[in-house]
Protein backbone atom coordinates (compact mmCIF):
# COMPACT_ATOMS: atom_id res chain seq x y z
CA UNK A 1 0.00 0.00 0.00
CA UNK A 2 1.50 3.32 -1.01
CA UNK A 3 1.07 6.50 0.91
CA UNK A 4 -0.20 9.58 -0.82
CA UNK A 5 2.17 12.53 -0.99
CA UNK A 6 1.90 14.92 1.89
CA UNK A 7 -0.25 17.97 1.20
CA UNK A 8 1.33 21.39 1.86
CA UNK A 9 -1.09 22.15 4.72
CA UNK A 10 -0.43 18.79 6.42
CA UNK A 11 2.98 20.02 7.55
CA UNK A 12 1.28 22.77 9.59
CA UNK A 13 -1.04 20.41 11.51
CA UNK A 14 1.63 19.41 14.01
CA UNK A 15 2.73 23.02 14.45
CA UNK A 16 -0.88 24.12 14.96
CA UNK A 17 -1.44 21.44 17.61
CA UNK A 18 1.71 22.42 19.48
CA UNK A 19 0.66 26.07 19.39
CA UNK A 20 -2.84 25.20 20.64
CA UNK A 21 -1.44 23.21 23.57
CA UNK A 22 0.97 26.02 24.44
CA UNK A 23 -1.94 28.49 24.49
CA UNK A 24 -3.98 26.12 26.66
CA UNK A 25 -1.08 25.69 29.09
CA UNK A 26 -0.63 29.48 29.33
CA UNK A 27 -4.36 29.84 30.09
CA UNK A 28 -4.20 27.14 32.78
CA UNK A 29 -1.22 28.91 34.37
CA UNK A 30 -3.26 32.13 34.44
CA UNK A 31 -0.94 33.91 32.02
CA UNK A 32 -3.65 34.77 29.49
CA UNK A 33 -7.41 35.18 29.55
CA UNK A 34 -9.67 33.14 27.34
CA UNK A 35 -11.82 34.98 24.87
CA UNK A 36 -15.52 34.69 25.57
CA UNK A 37 -18.67 35.88 23.94
CA UNK A 38 -22.38 35.89 24.63
CA UNK A 39 -24.73 33.90 22.46
CA UNK A 40 -27.53 36.18 21.22
CA UNK A 41 -30.96 35.30 22.60
CA UNK A 42 -32.37 34.55 19.16
CA UNK A 43 -29.85 31.78 18.36
CA UNK A 44 -31.48 28.36 18.32
CA UNK A 45 -29.03 26.29 20.33
CA UNK A 46 -29.80 22.59 20.87
CA UNK A 47 -30.93 23.47 24.40
CA UNK A 48 -33.32 26.11 23.10
CA UNK A 49 -34.76 23.77 20.46
CA UNK A 50 -35.39 21.24 23.22
CA UNK A 51 -36.99 23.92 25.42
CA UNK A 52 -39.32 24.93 22.58
CA UNK A 53 -40.33 21.31 22.02
CA UNK A 54 -40.85 20.63 25.74
CA UNK A 55 -42.99 23.75 26.07
CA UNK A 56 -45.57 22.31 23.67
CA UNK A 57 -45.03 18.53 23.72
CA UNK A 58 -43.62 16.06 26.26
CA UNK A 59 -41.83 13.96 23.63
CA UNK A 60 -40.42 14.23 20.14
CA UNK A 61 -43.08 11.74 18.98
CA UNK A 62 -45.87 13.95 20.31
CA UNK A 63 -44.21 17.00 18.74
CA UNK A 64 -44.12 15.12 15.43
CA UNK A 65 -47.83 14.29 15.75
CA UNK A 66 -48.78 17.90 16.48
CA UNK A 67 -46.46 19.77 14.13
CA UNK A 68 -45.48 17.22 11.46
CA UNK A 69 -41.76 17.59 12.12
CA UNK A 70 -40.02 14.22 12.28
CA UNK A 71 -39.08 13.00 15.76
CA UNK A 72 -35.67 12.00 14.40
CA UNK A 73 -35.14 15.49 13.01
CA UNK A 74 -36.02 17.06 16.37
CA UNK A 75 -33.74 14.62 18.18
CA UNK A 76 -30.88 15.57 15.85
CA UNK A 77 -31.50 19.28 16.53
CA UNK A 78 -31.78 18.72 20.29
CA UNK A 79 -28.57 16.68 20.40
CA UNK A 80 -26.66 19.18 18.24
CA UNK A 81 -26.04 16.66 15.45
CA UNK A 82 -27.85 18.95 12.99
CA UNK A 83 -28.74 22.62 12.88
CA UNK A 84 -32.16 23.80 11.73
CA UNK A 85 -31.99 25.70 8.43
CA UNK A 86 -33.45 29.21 8.19
CA UNK A 87 -36.95 28.00 7.30
CA UNK A 88 -37.04 25.50 10.18
CA UNK A 89 -35.70 28.12 12.58
CA UNK A 90 -38.56 30.40 11.58
CA UNK A 91 -41.12 27.65 12.07
CA UNK A 92 -39.68 26.73 15.48
CA UNK A 93 -39.83 30.38 16.56
CA UNK A 94 -43.47 30.60 15.48
CA UNK A 95 -44.23 27.37 17.36
CA UNK A 96 -42.47 28.85 20.40
CA UNK A 97 -44.59 32.02 20.34
CA UNK A 98 -47.88 30.85 18.79
CA UNK A 99 -48.18 27.05 18.95
CA UNK A 100 -51.97 27.13 18.66
CA UNK A 101 -51.80 29.17 15.45
CA UNK A 102 -49.54 26.52 13.91
CA UNK A 103 -51.85 23.75 15.11
CA UNK A 104 -54.84 25.54 13.54
CA UNK A 105 -52.98 26.07 10.27
CA UNK A 106 -52.01 22.40 10.10
CA UNK A 107 -55.56 21.27 10.92
CA UNK A 108 -57.11 23.06 7.97
C-alpha atoms as a PDB file:
ATOM      1  CA  UNK A   1       0.000   0.000   0.000  1.00  0.00           C
ATOM      2  CA  UNK A   2       1.503   3.324  -1.008  1.00  0.00           C
ATOM      3  CA  UNK A   3       1.072   6.502   0.911  1.00  0.00           C
ATOM      4  CA  UNK A   4      -0.199   9.579  -0.821  1.00  0.00           C
ATOM      5  CA  UNK A   5       2.169  12.525  -0.989  1.00  0.00           C
ATOM      6  CA  UNK A   6       1.897  14.924   1.895  1.00  0.00           C
ATOM      7  CA  UNK A   7      -0.253  17.971   1.200  1.00  0.00           C
ATOM      8  CA  UNK A   8       1.335  21.386   1.857  1.00  0.00           C
ATOM      9  CA  UNK A   9      -1.089  22.148   4.719  1.00  0.00           C
ATOM     10  CA  UNK A  10      -0.433  18.788   6.417  1.00  0.00           C
ATOM     11  CA  UNK A  11       2.985  20.019   7.548  1.00  0.00           C
ATOM     12  CA  UNK A  12       1.275  22.766   9.591  1.00  0.00           C
ATOM     13  CA  UNK A  13      -1.041  20.414  11.508  1.00  0.00           C
ATOM     14  CA  UNK A  14       1.630  19.412  14.011  1.00  0.00           C
ATOM     15  CA  UNK A  15       2.727  23.019  14.453  1.00  0.00           C
ATOM     16  CA  UNK A  16      -0.884  24.124  14.960  1.00  0.00           C
ATOM     17  CA  UNK A  17      -1.443  21.438  17.607  1.00  0.00           C
ATOM     18  CA  UNK A  18       1.709  22.419  19.483  1.00  0.00           C
ATOM     19  CA  UNK A  19       0.659  26.075  19.394  1.00  0.00           C
ATOM     20  CA  UNK A  20      -2.840  25.202  20.643  1.00  0.00           C
ATOM     21  CA  UNK A  21      -1.435  23.209  23.569  1.00  0.00           C
ATOM     22  CA  UNK A  22       0.966  26.018  24.438  1.00  0.00           C
ATOM     23  CA  UNK A  23      -1.938  28.490  24.489  1.00  0.00           C
ATOM     24  CA  UNK A  24      -3.984  26.123  26.659  1.00  0.00           C
ATOM     25  CA  UNK A  25      -1.079  25.691  29.093  1.00  0.00           C
ATOM     26  CA  UNK A  26      -0.634  29.478  29.333  1.00  0.00           C
ATOM     27  CA  UNK A  27      -4.357  29.835  30.091  1.00  0.00           C
ATOM     28  CA  UNK A  28      -4.199  27.137  32.781  1.00  0.00           C
ATOM     29  CA  UNK A  29      -1.220  28.914  34.373  1.00  0.00           C
ATOM     30  CA  UNK A  30      -3.255  32.127  34.438  1.00  0.00           C
ATOM     31  CA  UNK A  31      -0.941  33.912  32.023  1.00  0.00           C
ATOM     32  CA  UNK A  32      -3.645  34.771  29.491  1.00  0.00           C
ATOM     33  CA  UNK A  33      -7.407  35.183  29.554  1.00  0.00           C
ATOM     34  CA  UNK A  34      -9.665  33.144  27.339  1.00  0.00           C
ATOM     35  CA  UNK A  35     -11.823  34.983  24.868  1.00  0.00           C
ATOM     36  CA  UNK A  36     -15.516  34.688  25.574  1.00  0.00           C
ATOM     37  CA  UNK A  37     -18.674  35.877  23.936  1.00  0.00           C
ATOM     38  CA  UNK A  38     -22.379  35.894  24.626  1.00  0.00           C
ATOM     39  CA  UNK A  39     -24.727  33.904  22.460  1.00  0.00           C
ATOM     40  CA  UNK A  40     -27.528  36.182  21.222  1.00  0.00           C
ATOM     41  CA  UNK A  41     -30.961  35.298  22.602  1.00  0.00           C
ATOM     42  CA  UNK A  42     -32.372  34.546  19.162  1.00  0.00           C
ATOM     43  CA  UNK A  43     -29.850  31.783  18.358  1.00  0.00           C
ATOM     44  CA  UNK A  44     -31.477  28.361  18.321  1.00  0.00           C
ATOM     45  CA  UNK A  45     -29.030  26.287  20.332  1.00  0.00           C
ATOM     46  CA  UNK A  46     -29.795  22.593  20.871  1.00  0.00           C
ATOM     47  CA  UNK A  47     -30.931  23.474  24.396  1.00  0.00           C
ATOM     48  CA  UNK A  48     -33.318  26.114  23.102  1.00  0.00           C
ATOM     49  CA  UNK A  49     -34.756  23.770  20.463  1.00  0.00           C
ATOM     50  CA  UNK A  50     -35.392  21.241  23.222  1.00  0.00           C
ATOM     51  CA  UNK A  51     -36.993  23.915  25.423  1.00  0.00           C
ATOM     52  CA  UNK A  52     -39.322  24.928  22.579  1.00  0.00           C
ATOM     53  CA  UNK A  53     -40.327  21.314  22.025  1.00  0.00           C
ATOM     54  CA  UNK A  54     -40.850  20.630  25.745  1.00  0.00           C
ATOM     55  CA  UNK A  55     -42.986  23.753  26.074  1.00  0.00           C
ATOM     56  CA  UNK A  56     -45.566  22.308  23.672  1.00  0.00           C
ATOM     57  CA  UNK A  57     -45.034  18.526  23.720  1.00  0.00           C
ATOM     58  CA  UNK A  58     -43.621  16.060  26.262  1.00  0.00           C
ATOM     59  CA  UNK A  59     -41.830  13.959  23.633  1.00  0.00           C
ATOM     60  CA  UNK A  60     -40.425  14.227  20.139  1.00  0.00           C
ATOM     61  CA  UNK A  61     -43.075  11.735  18.978  1.00  0.00           C
ATOM     62  CA  UNK A  62     -45.871  13.947  20.310  1.00  0.00           C
ATOM     63  CA  UNK A  63     -44.215  17.003  18.740  1.00  0.00           C
ATOM     64  CA  UNK A  64     -44.123  15.121  15.431  1.00  0.00           C
ATOM     65  CA  UNK A  65     -47.828  14.290  15.752  1.00  0.00           C
ATOM     66  CA  UNK A  66     -48.778  17.899  16.476  1.00  0.00           C
ATOM     67  CA  UNK A  67     -46.458  19.772  14.128  1.00  0.00           C
ATOM     68  CA  UNK A  68     -45.476  17.218  11.457  1.00  0.00           C
ATOM     69  CA  UNK A  69     -41.762  17.594  12.119  1.00  0.00           C
ATOM     70  CA  UNK A  70     -40.024  14.223  12.276  1.00  0.00           C
ATOM     71  CA  UNK A  71     -39.085  12.997  15.759  1.00  0.00           C
ATOM     72  CA  UNK A  72     -35.666  12.004  14.397  1.00  0.00           C
ATOM     73  CA  UNK A  73     -35.138  15.495  13.015  1.00  0.00           C
ATOM     74  CA  UNK A  74     -36.019  17.060  16.366  1.00  0.00           C
ATOM     75  CA  UNK A  75     -33.735  14.617  18.185  1.00  0.00           C
ATOM     76  CA  UNK A  76     -30.879  15.572  15.851  1.00  0.00           C
ATOM     77  CA  UNK A  77     -31.502  19.283  16.530  1.00  0.00           C
ATOM     78  CA  UNK A  78     -31.783  18.724  20.293  1.00  0.00           C
ATOM     79  CA  UNK A  79     -28.572  16.684  20.397  1.00  0.00           C
ATOM     80  CA  UNK A  80     -26.665  19.176  18.242  1.00  0.00           C
ATOM     81  CA  UNK A  81     -26.043  16.662  15.447  1.00  0.00           C
ATOM     82  CA  UNK A  82     -27.846  18.950  12.987  1.00  0.00           C
ATOM     83  CA  UNK A  83     -28.742  22.621  12.882  1.00  0.00           C
ATOM     84  CA  UNK A  84     -32.156  23.799  11.731  1.00  0.00           C
ATOM     85  CA  UNK A  85     -31.994  25.697   8.434  1.00  0.00           C
ATOM     86  CA  UNK A  86     -33.453  29.208   8.195  1.00  0.00           C
ATOM     87  CA  UNK A  87     -36.949  27.998   7.305  1.00  0.00           C
ATOM     88  CA  UNK A  88     -37.041  25.505  10.179  1.00  0.00           C
ATOM     89  CA  UNK A  89     -35.699  28.122  12.584  1.00  0.00           C
ATOM     90  CA  UNK A  90     -38.556  30.403  11.582  1.00  0.00           C
ATOM     91  CA  UNK A  91     -41.121  27.645  12.071  1.00  0.00           C
ATOM     92  CA  UNK A  92     -39.684  26.730  15.476  1.00  0.00           C
ATOM     93  CA  UNK A  93     -39.827  30.376  16.557  1.00  0.00           C
ATOM     94  CA  UNK A  94     -43.473  30.600  15.478  1.00  0.00           C
ATOM     95  CA  UNK A  95     -44.226  27.370  17.361  1.00  0.00           C
ATOM     96  CA  UNK A  96     -42.474  28.847  20.398  1.00  0.00           C
ATOM     97  CA  UNK A  97     -44.595  32.016  20.340  1.00  0.00           C
ATOM     98  CA  UNK A  98     -47.882  30.848  18.793  1.00  0.00           C
ATOM     99  CA  UNK A  99     -48.183  27.050  18.949  1.00  0.00           C
ATOM    100  CA  UNK A 100     -51.974  27.129  18.664  1.00  0.00           C
ATOM    101  CA  UNK A 101     -51.805  29.166  15.452  1.00  0.00           C
ATOM    102  CA  UNK A 102     -49.541  26.522  13.912  1.00  0.00           C
ATOM    103  CA  UNK A 103     -51.854  23.747  15.112  1.00  0.00           C
ATOM    104  CA  UNK A 104     -54.840  25.540  13.540  1.00  0.00           C
ATOM    105  CA  UNK A 105     -52.982  26.069  10.270  1.00  0.00           C
ATOM    106  CA  UNK A 106     -52.014  22.401  10.103  1.00  0.00           C
ATOM    107  CA  UNK A 107     -55.556  21.266  10.921  1.00  0.00           C
ATOM    108  CA  UNK A 108     -57.110  23.062   7.969  1.00  0.00           C
END
